[in-house]
Amino acid sequence: MRKGFTLIEMLAVLVILSVIALITIPIVSNQMNEAKQNLYDKQVNTMIEATKNWSADNLDKMQENQNVYVTLGELQDDGYLNKNIENPKTKKEFDRNMTFKIFYGKKVNITVSQY
């Protein structure tokens, strides 16, 4: 009697493993992309919060009903954010020239001009 697997048995195992891979790879990929997007959103929100803190500390630089602009580099240099913040989508650092527009009116409104 011969020991080992037949060609049909080997092909059946290969087909089963291929089907499992076809099912799981897109699911894992979607989960990873979703996690990157969530991290990206949290990083942008952290930058906006840092901009709010900067605006609260620099009210003397703002005039009512006017826009004030601050860059990511300025926030990093002034200690409001860590340096070298990596964008999880691109695996590169966020541009230090990313600009945050602060409108100082009845309430402070912050928008991100570029990210």
PDB file of N, CA and C in Angstrom:
ATOM      1  N   MET A   1       0.837  -1.164   0.000  1.00  0.00           N
ATOM      2  CA  MET A   1       0.000   0.000   0.000  1.00  0.00           C
ATOM      3  C   MET A   1       0.897   1.248   0.000  1.00  0.00           C
ATOM      4  N   ARG A   2       0.509   2.244  -0.799  1.00  0.00           N
ATOM      5  CA  ARG A   2       1.310   3.463  -0.926  1.00  0.00           C
ATOM      6  C   ARG A   2       0.896   4.494   0.119  1.00  0.00           C
ATOM      7  N   LYS A   3       1.894   5.187   0.631  1.00  0.00           N
ATOM      8  CA  LYS A   3       1.629   6.238   1.602  1.00  0.00           C
ATOM      9  C   LYS A   3       1.638   7.582   0.877  1.00  0.00           C
ATOM     10  N   GLY A   4       0.856   8.539   1.408  1.00  0.00           N
ATOM     11  CA  GLY A   4       0.835   9.872   0.818  1.00  0.00           C
ATOM     12  C   GLY A   4      -0.546  10.241   0.315  1.00  0.00           C
ATOM     13  N   PHE A   5      -0.619  11.433  -0.305  1.00  0.00           N
ATOM     14  CA  PHE A   5      -1.887  11.953  -0.798  1.00  0.00           C
ATOM     15  C   PHE A   5      -1.951  11.834  -2.307  1.00  0.00           C
ATOM     16  N   THR A   6      -3.160  11.665  -2.795  1.00  0.00           N
ATOM     17  CA  THR A   6      -3.342  11.626  -4.244  1.00  0.00           C
ATOM     18  C   THR A   6      -3.384  13.054  -4.778  1.00  0.00           C
ATOM     19  N   LEU A   7      -3.236  13.175  -6.073  1.00  0.00           N
ATOM     20  CA  LEU A   7      -3.277  14.484  -6.713  1.00  0.00           C
ATOM     21  C   LEU A   7      -4.629  15.158  -6.488  1.00  0.00           C
ATOM     22  N   ILE A   8      -5.691  14.413  -6.534  1.00  0.00           N
ATOM     23  CA  ILE A   8      -7.037  14.948  -6.320  1.00  0.00           C
ATOM     24  C   ILE A   8      -7.169  15.505  -4.901  1.00  0.00           C
ATOM     25  N   GLU A   9      -6.668  14.795  -3.931  1.00  0.00           N
ATOM     26  CA  GLU A   9      -6.729  15.267  -2.545  1.00  0.00           C
ATOM     27  C   GLU A   9      -5.932  16.555  -2.378  1.00  0.00           C
ATOM     28  N   MET A  10      -4.773  16.626  -2.981  1.00  0.00           N
ATOM     29  CA  MET A  10      -3.947  17.836  -2.898  1.00  0.00           C
ATOM     30  C   MET A  10      -4.658  19.019  -3.561  1.00  0.00           C
ATOM     31  N   LEU A  11      -5.274  18.780  -4.714  1.00  0.00           N
ATOM     32  CA  LEU A  11      -6.005  19.841  -5.404  1.00  0.00           C
ATOM     33  C   LEU A  11      -7.221  20.295  -4.594  1.00  0.00           C
ATOM     34  N   ALA A  12      -7.895  19.374  -3.949  1.00  0.00           N
ATOM     35  CA  ALA A  12      -9.051  19.725  -3.126  1.00  0.00           C
ATOM     36  C   ALA A  12      -8.631  20.625  -1.967  1.00  0.00           C
ATOM     37  N   VAL A  13      -7.542  20.294  -1.319  1.00  0.00           N
ATOM     38  CA  VAL A  13      -7.034  21.132  -0.230  1.00  0.00           C
ATOM     39  C   VAL A  13      -6.647  22.508  -0.752  1.00  0.00           C
ATOM     40  N   LEU A  14      -5.997  22.550  -1.893  1.00  0.00           N
ATOM     41  CA  LEU A  14      -5.596  23.817  -2.497  1.00  0.00           C
ATOM     42  C   LEU A  14      -6.810  24.680  -2.832  1.00  0.00           C
ATOM     43  N   VAL A  15      -7.858  24.091  -3.359  1.00  0.00           N
ATOM     44  CA  VAL A  15      -9.091  24.825  -3.686  1.00  0.00           C
ATOM     45  C   VAL A  15      -9.732  25.365  -2.410  1.00  0.00           C
ATOM     46  N   ILE A  16      -9.802  24.556  -1.383  1.00  0.00           N
ATOM     47  CA  ILE A  16     -10.399  24.997  -0.114  1.00  0.00           C
ATOM     48  C   ILE A  16      -9.613  26.170   0.472  1.00  0.00           C
ATOM     49  N   LEU A  17      -8.285  26.070   0.480  1.00  0.00           N
ATOM     50  CA  LEU A  17      -7.462  27.164   0.999  1.00  0.00           C
ATOM     51  C   LEU A  17      -7.623  28.433   0.156  1.00  0.00           C
ATOM     52  N   SER A  18      -7.764  28.271  -1.147  1.00  0.00           N
ATOM     53  CA  SER A  18      -7.956  29.427  -2.026  1.00  0.00           C
ATOM     54  C   SER A  18      -9.280  30.123  -1.743  1.00  0.00           C
ATOM     55  N   VAL A  19     -10.316  29.357  -1.527  1.00  0.00           N
ATOM     56  CA  VAL A  19     -11.632  29.929  -1.216  1.00  0.00           C
ATOM     57  C   VAL A  19     -11.578  30.675   0.120  1.00  0.00           C
ATOM     58  N   ILE A  20     -10.933  30.086   1.095  1.00  0.00           N
ATOM     59  CA  ILE A  20     -10.793  30.753   2.397  1.00  0.00           C
ATOM     60  C   ILE A  20     -10.033  32.071   2.238  1.00  0.00           C
ATOM     61  N   ALA A  21      -8.969  32.076   1.450  1.00  0.00           N
ATOM     62  CA  ALA A  21      -8.191  33.291   1.222  1.00  0.00           C
ATOM     63  C   ALA A  21      -9.033  34.350   0.502  1.00  0.00           C
ATOM     64  N   LEU A  22      -9.816  33.930  -0.486  1.00  0.00           N
ATOM     65  CA  LEU A  22     -10.657  34.872  -1.228  1.00  0.00           C
ATOM     66  C   LEU A  22     -11.708  35.518  -0.333  1.00  0.00           C
ATOM     67  N   ILE A  23     -12.136  34.807   0.674  1.00  0.00           N
ATOM     68  CA  ILE A  23     -13.146  35.347   1.598  1.00  0.00           C
ATOM     69  C   ILE A  23     -12.503  36.262   2.635  1.00  0.00           C
ATOM     70  N   THR A  24     -11.369  35.859   3.196  1.00  0.00           N
ATOM     71  CA  THR A  24     -10.797  36.597   4.318  1.00  0.00           C
ATOM     72  C   THR A  24      -9.967  37.814   3.907  1.00  0.00           C
ATOM     73  N   ILE A  25      -9.296  37.778   2.786  1.00  0.00           N
ATOM     74  CA  ILE A  25      -8.419  38.895   2.405  1.00  0.00           C
ATOM     75  C   ILE A  25      -9.192  40.207   2.263  1.00  0.00           C
ATOM     76  N   PRO A  26     -10.332  40.257   1.572  1.00  0.00           N
ATOM     77  CA  PRO A  26     -11.065  41.530   1.493  1.00  0.00           C
ATOM     78  C   PRO A  26     -11.574  42.017   2.846  1.00  0.00           C
ATOM     79  N   ILE A  27     -11.971  41.093   3.704  1.00  0.00           N
ATOM     80  CA  ILE A  27     -12.466  41.479   5.032  1.00  0.00           C
ATOM     81  C   ILE A  27     -11.345  42.115   5.841  1.00  0.00           C
ATOM     82  N   VAL A  28     -10.191  41.483   5.852  1.00  0.00           N
ATOM     83  CA  VAL A  28      -9.045  42.016   6.596  1.00  0.00           C
ATOM     84  C   VAL A  28      -8.604  43.353   6.000  1.00  0.00           C
ATOM     85  N   SER A  29      -8.589  43.442   4.686  1.00  0.00           N
ATOM     86  CA  SER A  29      -8.189  44.682   4.019  1.00  0.00           C
ATOM     87  C   SER A  29      -9.142  45.821   4.368  1.00  0.00           C
ATOM     88  N   ASN A  30     -10.440  45.553   4.359  1.00  0.00           N
ATOM     89  CA  ASN A  30     -11.414  46.580   4.728  1.00  0.00           C
ATOM     90  C   ASN A  30     -11.244  47.019   6.173  1.00  0.00           C
ATOM     91  N   GLN A  31     -10.989  46.074   7.058  1.00  0.00           N
ATOM     92  CA  GLN A  31     -10.778  46.410   8.467  1.00  0.00           C
ATOM     93  C   GLN A  31      -9.546  47.298   8.646  1.00  0.00           C
ATOM     94  N   MET A  32      -8.488  46.984   7.914  1.00  0.00           N
ATOM     95  CA  MET A  32      -7.261  47.787   8.012  1.00  0.00           C
ATOM     96  C   MET A  32      -7.500  49.192   7.466  1.00  0.00           C
ATOM     97  N   ASN A  33      -8.199  49.316   6.352  1.00  0.00           N
ATOM     98  CA  ASN A  33      -8.497  50.637   5.794  1.00  0.00           C
ATOM     99  C   ASN A  33      -9.387  51.449   6.723  1.00  0.00           C
ATOM    100  N   GLU A  34     -10.344  50.790   7.346  1.00  0.00           N
ATOM    101  CA  GLU A  34     -11.220  51.472   8.298  1.00  0.00           C
ATOM    102  C   GLU A  34     -10.428  51.960   9.519  1.00  0.00           C
ATOM    103  N   ALA A  35      -9.515  51.136   9.995  1.00  0.00           N
ATOM    104  CA  ALA A  35      -8.686  51.527  11.132  1.00  0.00           C
ATOM    105  C   ALA A  35      -7.793  52.713  10.767  1.00  0.00           C
ATOM    106  N   LYS A  36      -7.230  52.712   9.562  1.00  0.00           N
ATOM    107  CA  LYS A  36      -6.412  53.847   9.114  1.00  0.00           C
ATOM    108  C   LYS A  36      -7.238  55.112   9.033  1.00  0.00           C
ATOM    109  N   GLN A  37      -8.463  55.009   8.523  1.00  0.00           N
ATOM    110  CA  GLN A  37      -9.335  56.177   8.414  1.00  0.00           C
ATOM    111  C   GLN A  37      -9.692  56.703   9.800  1.00  0.00           C
ATOM    112  N   ASN A  38      -9.995  55.802  10.737  1.00  0.00           N
ATOM    113  CA  ASN A  38     -10.315  56.232  12.102  1.00  0.00           C
ATOM    114  C   ASN A  38      -9.134  56.935  12.746  1.00  0.00           C
ATOM    115  N   LEU A  39      -7.934  56.396  12.568  1.00  0.00           N
ATOM    116  CA  LEU A  39      -6.745  57.028  13.123  1.00  0.00           C
ATOM    117  C   LEU A  39      -6.518  58.396  12.481  1.00  0.00           C
ATOM    118  N   TYR A  40      -6.708  58.475  11.178  1.00  0.00           N
ATOM    119  CA  TYR A  40      -6.558  59.743  10.451  1.00  0.00           C
ATOM    120  C   TYR A  40      -7.539  60.786  11.000  1.00  0.00           C
ATOM    121  N   ASP A  41      -8.798  60.393  11.166  1.00  0.00           N
ATOM    122  CA  ASP A  41      -9.807  61.316  11.695  1.00  0.00           C
ATOM    123  C   ASP A  41      -9.444  61.787  13.103  1.00  0.00           C
ATOM    124  N   LYS A  42      -8.946  60.864  13.928  1.00  0.00           N
ATOM    125  CA  LYS A  42      -8.552  61.241  15.289  1.00  0.00           C
ATOM    126  C   LYS A  42      -7.370  62.201  15.278  1.00  0.00           C
ATOM    127  N   GLN A  43      -6.422  61.981  14.359  1.00  0.00           N
ATOM    128  CA  GLN A  43      -5.276  62.883  14.277  1.00  0.00           C
ATOM    129  C   GLN A  43      -5.708  64.282  13.843  1.00  0.00           C
ATOM    130  N   VAL A  44      -6.597  64.362  12.863  1.00  0.00           N
ATOM    131  CA  VAL A  44      -7.083  65.675  12.420  1.00  0.00           C
ATOM    132  C   VAL A  44      -7.851  66.352  13.553  1.00  0.00           C
ATOM    133  N   ASN A  45      -8.670  65.602  14.286  1.00  0.00           N
ATOM    134  CA  ASN A  45      -9.385  66.179  15.425  1.00  0.00           C
ATOM    135  C   ASN A  45      -8.422  66.664  16.502  1.00  0.00           C
ATOM    136  N   THR A  46      -7.343  65.934  16.718  1.00  0.00           N
ATOM    137  CA  THR A  46      -6.327  66.369  17.682  1.00  0.00           C
ATOM    138  C   THR A  46      -5.683  67.678  17.222  1.00  0.00           C
ATOM    139  N   MET A  47      -5.436  67.789  15.923  1.00  0.00           N
ATOM    140  CA  MET A  47      -4.869  69.028  15.385  1.00  0.00           C
ATOM    141  C   MET A  47      -5.839  70.196  15.559  1.00  0.00           C
ATOM    142  N   ILE A  48      -7.111  69.937  15.355  1.00  0.00           N
ATOM    143  CA  ILE A  48      -8.113  70.995  15.541  1.00  0.00           C
ATOM    144  C   ILE A  48      -8.191  71.404  17.005  1.00  0.00           C
ATOM    145  N   GLU A  49      -8.134  70.434  17.910  1.00  0.00           N
ATOM    146  CA  GLU A  49      -8.126  70.758  19.345  1.00  0.00           C
ATOM    147  C   GLU A  49      -6.882  71.569  19.716  1.00  0.00           C
ATOM    148  N   ALA A  50      -5.744  71.205  19.148  1.00  0.00           N
ATOM    149  CA  ALA A  50      -4.516  71.972  19.395  1.00  0.00           C
ATOM    150  C   ALA A  50      -4.661  73.396  18.874  1.00  0.00           C
ATOM    151  N   THR A  51      -5.335  73.552  17.746  1.00  0.00           N
ATOM    152  CA  THR A  51      -5.573  74.884  17.189  1.00  0.00           C
ATOM    153  C   THR A  51      -6.482  75.686  18.103  1.00  0.00           C
ATOM    154  N   LYS A  52      -7.491  75.039  18.676  1.00  0.00           N
ATOM    155  CA  LYS A  52      -8.362  75.723  19.646  1.00  0.00           C
ATOM    156  C   LYS A  52      -7.557  76.185  20.861  1.00  0.00           C
ATOM    157  N   ASN A  53      -6.672  75.319  21.339  1.00  0.00           N
ATOM    158  CA  ASN A  53      -5.829  75.694  22.480  1.00  0.00           C
ATOM    159  C   ASN A  53      -4.921  76.863  22.116  1.00  0.00           C
ATOM    160  N   TRP A  54      -4.346  76.812  20.910  1.00  0.00           N
ATOM    161  CA  TRP A  54      -3.486  77.902  20.454  1.00  0.00           C
ATOM    162  C   TRP A  54      -4.280  79.205  20.394  1.00  0.00           C
ATOM    163  N   SER A  55      -5.501  79.141  19.860  1.00  0.00           N
ATOM    164  CA  SER A  55      -6.310  80.359  19.739  1.00  0.00           C
ATOM    165  C   SER A  55      -6.691  80.911  21.109  1.00  0.00           C
ATOM    166  N   ALA A  56      -6.952  80.022  22.078  1.00  0.00           N
ATOM    167  CA  ALA A  56      -7.275  80.484  23.430  1.00  0.00           C
ATOM    168  C   ALA A  56      -6.073  81.169  24.077  1.00  0.00           C
ATOM    169  N   ASP A  57      -4.869  80.683  23.778  1.00  0.00           N
ATOM    170  CA  ASP A  57      -3.659  81.271  24.347  1.00  0.00           C
ATOM    171  C   ASP A  57      -3.200  82.521  23.600  1.00  0.00           C
ATOM    172  N   ASN A  58      -3.721  82.736  22.400  1.00  0.00           N
ATOM    173  CA  ASN A  58      -3.261  83.852  21.566  1.00  0.00           C
ATOM    174  C   ASN A  58      -4.402  84.778  21.158  1.00  0.00           C
ATOM    175  N   LEU A  59      -5.309  85.034  22.080  1.00  0.00           N
ATOM    176  CA  LEU A  59      -6.423  85.929  21.785  1.00  0.00           C
ATOM    177  C   LEU A  59      -5.953  87.325  21.402  1.00  0.00           C
ATOM    178  N   ASP A  60      -4.789  87.725  21.906  1.00  0.00           N
ATOM    179  CA  ASP A  60      -4.267  89.054  21.585  1.00  0.00           C
ATOM    180  C   ASP A  60      -3.905  89.191  20.102  1.00  0.00           C
ATOM    181  N   LYS A  61      -3.680  88.087  19.411  1.00  0.00           N
ATOM    182  CA  LYS A  61      -3.342  88.116  17.985  1.00  0.00           C
ATOM    183  C   LYS A  61      -4.583  88.133  17.097  1.00  0.00           C
ATOM    184  N   MET A  62      -5.755  87.967  17.703  1.00  0.00           N
ATOM    185  CA  MET A  62      -6.980  87.862  16.920  1.00  0.00           C
ATOM    186  C   MET A  62      -7.854  89.086  17.129  1.00  0.00           C
ATOM    187  N   GLN A  63      -8.496  89.494  16.052  1.00  0.00           N
ATOM    188  CA  GLN A  63      -9.471  90.570  16.114  1.00  0.00           C
ATOM    189  C   GLN A  63     -10.830  89.982  15.788  1.00  0.00           C
ATOM    190  N   GLU A  64     -11.845  90.518  16.416  1.00  0.00           N
ATOM    191  CA  GLU A  64     -13.174  89.970  16.233  1.00  0.00           C
ATOM    192  C   GLU A  64     -13.614  90.059  14.771  1.00  0.00           C
ATOM    193  N   ASN A  65     -14.274  89.003  14.319  1.00  0.00           N
ATOM    194  CA  ASN A  65     -14.803  88.871  12.956  1.00  0.00           C
ATOM    195  C   ASN A  65     -13.721  88.888  11.887  1.00  0.00           C
ATOM    196  N   GLN A  66     -12.557  88.376  12.220  1.00  0.00           N
ATOM    197  CA  GLN A  66     -11.491  88.242  11.235  1.00  0.00           C
ATOM    198  C   GLN A  66     -10.891  86.845  11.323  1.00  0.00           C
ATOM    199  N   ASN A  67     -10.281  86.432  10.213  1.00  0.00           N
ATOM    200  CA  ASN A  67      -9.627  85.132  10.161  1.00  0.00           C
ATOM    201  C   ASN A  67      -8.169  85.250  10.601  1.00  0.00           C
ATOM    202  N   VAL A  68      -7.729  84.242  11.306  1.00  0.00           N
ATOM    203  CA  VAL A  68      -6.317  84.106  11.670  1.00  0.00           C
ATOM    204  C   VAL A  68      -5.890  82.734  11.175  1.00  0.00           C
ATOM    205  N   TYR A  69      -4.695  82.665  10.638  1.00  0.00           N
ATOM    206  CA  TYR A  69      -4.193  81.403  10.090  1.00  0.00           C
ATOM    207  C   TYR A  69      -2.993  80.940  10.906  1.00  0.00           C
ATOM    208  N   VAL A  70      -2.957  79.643  11.185  1.00  0.00           N
ATOM    209  CA  VAL A  70      -1.828  79.042  11.879  1.00  0.00           C
ATOM    210  C   VAL A  70      -1.496  77.735  11.156  1.00  0.00           C
ATOM    211  N   THR A  71      -0.215  77.461  11.031  1.00  0.00           N
ATOM    212  CA  THR A  71       0.202  76.243  10.332  1.00  0.00           C
ATOM    213  C   THR A  71       0.482  75.118  11.328  1.00  0.00           C
ATOM    214  N   LEU A  72       0.511  73.916  10.804  1.00  0.00           N
ATOM    215  CA  LEU A  72       0.851  72.762  11.629  1.00  0.00           C
ATOM    216  C   LEU A  72       2.250  72.938  12.213  1.00  0.00           C
ATOM    217  N   GLY A  73       3.168  73.473  11.420  1.00  0.00           N
ATOM    218  CA  GLY A  73       4.524  73.709  11.898  1.00  0.00           C
ATOM    219  C   GLY A  73       4.569  74.659  13.084  1.00  0.00           C
ATOM    220  N   GLU A  74       3.754  75.707  13.038  1.00  0.00           N
ATOM    221  CA  GLU A  74       3.707  76.646  14.166  1.00  0.00           C
ATOM    222  C   GLU A  74       3.159  75.963  15.416  1.00  0.00           C
ATOM    223  N   LEU A  75       2.129  75.146  15.240  1.00  0.00           N
ATOM    224  CA  LEU A  75       1.573  74.421  16.386  1.00  0.00           C
ATOM    225  C   LEU A  75       2.603  73.462  16.984  1.00  0.00           C
ATOM    226  N   GLN A  76       3.386  72.830  16.114  1.00  0.00           N
ATOM    227  CA  GLN A  76       4.424  71.920  16.594  1.00  0.00           C
ATOM    228  C   GLN A  76       5.546  72.693  17.281  1.00  0.00           C
ATOM    229  N   ASP A  77       5.983  73.785  16.666  1.00  0.00           N
ATOM    230  CA  ASP A  77       7.079  74.566  17.242  1.00  0.00           C
ATOM    231  C   ASP A  77       6.698  75.185  18.582  1.00  0.00           C
ATOM    232  N   ASP A  78       5.419  75.553  18.734  1.00  0.00           N
ATOM    233  CA  ASP A  78       4.954  76.161  19.986  1.00  0.00           C
ATOM    234  C   ASP A  78       4.587  75.126  21.045  1.00  0.00           C
ATOM    235  N   GLY A  79       4.718  73.833  20.712  1.00  0.00           N
ATOM    236  CA  GLY A  79       4.491  72.780  21.693  1.00  0.00           C
ATOM    237  C   GLY A  79       3.049  72.314  21.833  1.00  0.00           C
ATOM    238  N   TYR A  80       2.182  72.706  20.923  1.00  0.00           N
ATOM    239  CA  TYR A  80       0.793  72.271  20.991  1.00  0.00           C
ATOM    240  C   TYR A  80       0.599  70.877  20.410  1.00  0.00           C
ATOM    241  N   LEU A  81       1.518  70.462  19.545  1.00  0.00           N
ATOM    242  CA  LEU A  81       1.466  69.132  18.938  1.00  0.00           C
ATOM    243  C   LEU A  81       2.861  68.534  18.901  1.00  0.00           C
ATOM    244  N   ASN A  82       2.915  67.211  18.878  1.00  0.00           N
ATOM    245  CA  ASN A  82       4.194  66.529  18.694  1.00  0.00           C
ATOM    246  C   ASN A  82       4.698  66.774  17.282  1.00  0.00           C
ATOM    247  N   LYS A  83       5.987  66.728  17.134  1.00  0.00           N
ATOM    248  CA  LYS A  83       6.569  66.844  15.801  1.00  0.00           C
ATOM    249  C   LYS A  83       6.473  65.485  15.109  1.00  0.00           C
ATOM    250  N   ASN A  84       6.616  65.496  13.807  1.00  0.00           N
ATOM    251  CA  ASN A  84       6.652  64.270  12.999  1.00  0.00           C
ATOM    252  C   ASN A  84       5.387  63.429  13.135  1.00  0.00           C
ATOM    253  N   ILE A  85       4.236  64.033  12.908  1.00  0.00           N
ATOM    254  CA  ILE A  85       2.980  63.298  12.948  1.00  0.00           C
ATOM    255  C   ILE A  85       2.792  62.608  11.599  1.00  0.00           C
ATOM    256  N   GLU A  86       2.669  61.295  11.625  1.00  0.00           N
ATOM    257  CA  GLU A  86       2.570  60.522  10.393  1.00  0.00           C
ATOM    258  C   GLU A  86       1.122  60.345   9.976  1.00  0.00           C
ATOM    259  N   ASN A  87       0.861  60.585   8.705  1.00  0.00           N
ATOM    260  CA  ASN A  87      -0.451  60.333   8.127  1.00  0.00           C
ATOM    261  C   ASN A  87      -0.573  58.824   7.916  1.00  0.00           C
ATOM    262  N   PRO A  88      -1.535  58.157   8.568  1.00  0.00           N
ATOM    263  CA  PRO A  88      -1.629  56.701   8.437  1.00  0.00           C
ATOM    264  C   PRO A  88      -2.032  56.243   7.033  1.00  0.00           C
ATOM    265  N   LYS A  89      -2.650  57.128   6.267  1.00  0.00           N
ATOM    266  CA  LYS A  89      -3.065  56.754   4.912  1.00  0.00           C
ATOM    267  C   LYS A  89      -1.877  56.708   3.950  1.00  0.00           C
ATOM    268  N   THR A  90      -0.971  57.682   4.084  1.00  0.00           N
ATOM    269  CA  THR A  90       0.136  57.783   3.135  1.00  0.00           C
ATOM    270  C   THR A  90       1.463  57.304   3.708  1.00  0.00           C
ATOM    271  N   LYS A  91       1.515  57.071   5.015  1.00  0.00           N
ATOM    272  CA  LYS A  91       2.742  56.677   5.722  1.00  0.00           C
ATOM    273  C   LYS A  91       3.818  57.761   5.630  1.00  0.00           C
ATOM    274  N   LYS A  92       3.416  59.002   5.344  1.00  0.00           N
ATOM    275  CA  LYS A  92       4.334  60.141   5.312  1.00  0.00           C
ATOM    276  C   LYS A  92       3.892  61.135   6.363  1.00  0.00           C
ATOM    277  N   GLU A  93       4.802  62.005   6.752  1.00  0.00           N
ATOM    278  CA  GLU A  93       4.458  63.022   7.732  1.00  0.00           C
ATOM    279  C   GLU A  93       3.474  64.017   7.136  1.00  0.00           C
ATOM    280  N   PHE A  94       2.597  64.543   7.998  1.00  0.00           N
ATOM    281  CA  PHE A  94       1.718  65.613   7.556  1.00  0.00           C
ATOM    282  C   PHE A  94       2.578  66.812   7.183  1.00  0.00           C
ATOM    283  N   ASP A  95       2.148  67.538   6.184  1.00  0.00           N
ATOM    284  CA  ASP A  95       2.864  68.722   5.728  1.00  0.00           C
ATOM    285  C   ASP A  95       2.839  69.797   6.808  1.00  0.00           C
ATOM    286  N   ARG A  96       4.001  70.303   7.160  1.00  0.00           N
ATOM    287  CA  ARG A  96       4.081  71.353   8.188  1.00  0.00           C
ATOM    288  C   ARG A  96       3.414  72.644   7.731  1.00  0.00           C
ATOM    289  N   ASN A  97       3.141  72.761   6.453  1.00  0.00           N
ATOM    290  CA  ASN A  97       2.464  73.950   5.933  1.00  0.00           C
ATOM    291  C   ASN A  97       0.946  73.803   5.923  1.00  0.00           C
ATOM    292  N   MET A  98       0.451  72.677   6.454  1.00  0.00           N
ATOM    293  CA  MET A  98      -1.002  72.514   6.563  1.00  0.00           C
ATOM    294  C   MET A  98      -1.539  73.698   7.354  1.00  0.00           C
ATOM    295  N   THR A  99      -2.563  74.344   6.832  1.00  0.00           N
ATOM    296  CA  THR A  99      -3.045  75.598   7.414  1.00  0.00           C
ATOM    297  C   THR A  99      -4.394  75.391   8.074  1.00  0.00           C
ATOM    298  N   PHE A 100      -4.541  75.982   9.251  1.00  0.00           N
ATOM    299  CA  PHE A 100      -5.795  75.990   9.981  1.00  0.00           C
ATOM    300  C   PHE A 100      -6.307  77.425  10.013  1.00  0.00           C
ATOM    301  N   LYS A 101      -7.542  77.609   9.584  1.00  0.00           N
ATOM    302  CA  LYS A 101      -8.148  78.938   9.584  1.00  0.00           C
ATOM    303  C   LYS A 101      -9.012  79.069  10.824  1.00  0.00           C
ATOM    304  N   ILE A 102      -8.764  80.106  11.585  1.00  0.00           N
ATOM    305  CA  ILE A 102      -9.517  80.348  12.807  1.00  0.00           C
ATOM    306  C   ILE A 102     -10.339  81.615  12.584  1.00  0.00           C
ATOM    307  N   PHE A 103     -11.649  81.500  12.721  1.00  0.00           N
ATOM    308  CA  PHE A 103     -12.503  82.680  12.648  1.00  0.00           C
ATOM    309  C   PHE A 103     -12.921  83.006  14.061  1.00  0.00           C
ATOM    310  N   TYR A 104     -12.598  84.214  14.474  1.00  0.00           N
ATOM    311  CA  TYR A 104     -12.892  84.645  15.837  1.00  0.00           C
ATOM    312  C   TYR A 104     -14.065  85.612  15.774  1.00  0.00           C
ATOM    313  N   GLY A 105     -15.241  85.123  16.120  1.00  0.00           N
ATOM    314  CA  GLY A 105     -16.444  85.947  16.154  1.00  0.00           C
ATOM    315  C   GLY A 105     -17.125  85.729  17.487  1.00  0.00           C
ATOM    316  N   LYS A 106     -18.435  85.556  17.443  1.00  0.00           N
ATOM    317  CA  LYS A 106     -19.160  85.264  18.684  1.00  0.00           C
ATOM    318  C   LYS A 106     -18.698  83.944  19.280  1.00  0.00           C
ATOM    319  N   LYS A 107     -18.262  83.055  18.397  1.00  0.00           N
ATOM    320  CA  LYS A 107     -17.609  81.828  18.848  1.00  0.00           C
ATOM    321  C   LYS A 107     -16.455  81.553  17.896  1.00  0.00           C
ATOM    322  N   VAL A 108     -15.521  80.754  18.356  1.00  0.00           N
ATOM    323  CA  VAL A 108     -14.352  80.443  17.537  1.00  0.00           C
ATOM    324  C   VAL A 108     -14.717  79.297  16.600  1.00  0.00           C
ATOM    325  N   ASN A 109     -14.448  79.495  15.314  1.00  0.00           N
ATOM    326  CA  ASN A 109     -14.705  78.466  14.313  1.00  0.00           C
ATOM    327  C   ASN A 109     -13.376  78.131  13.629  1.00  0.00           C
ATOM    328  N   ILE A 110     -13.045  76.852  13.563  1.00  0.00           N
ATOM    329  CA  ILE A 110     -11.773  76.428  12.989  1.00  0.00           C
ATOM    330  C   ILE A 110     -12.045  75.507  11.808  1.00  0.00           C
ATOM    331  N   THR A 111     -11.396  75.798  10.691  1.00  0.00           N
ATOM    332  CA  THR A 111     -11.451  74.912   9.532  1.00  0.00           C
ATOM    333  C   THR A 111     -10.037  74.590   9.100  1.00  0.00           C
ATOM    334  N   VAL A 112      -9.881  73.413   8.523  1.00  0.00           N
ATOM    335  CA  VAL A 112      -8.583  72.986   8.022  1.00  0.00           C
ATOM    336  C   VAL A 112      -8.548  73.317   6.532  1.00  0.00           C
ATOM    337  N   SER A 113      -7.588  74.136   6.137  1.00  0.00           N
ATOM    338  CA  SER A 113      -7.538  74.575   4.755  1.00  0.00           C
ATOM    339  C   SER A 113      -6.966  73.523   3.834  1.00  0.00           C
ATOM    340  N   GLN A 114      -6.084  72.659   4.340  1.00  0.00           N
ATOM    341  CA  GLN A 114      -5.434  71.702   3.471  1.00  0.00           C
ATOM    342  C   GLN A 114      -4.987  70.509   4.291  1.00  0.00           C
ATOM    343  N   TYR A 115      -5.430  69.304   3.893  1.00  0.00           N
ATOM    344  CA  TYR A 115      -4.929  68.076   4.522  1.00  0.00           C
ATOM    345  C   TYR A 115      -5.220  66.887   3.685  1.00  0.00           C
TER     346      TYR A 115
END
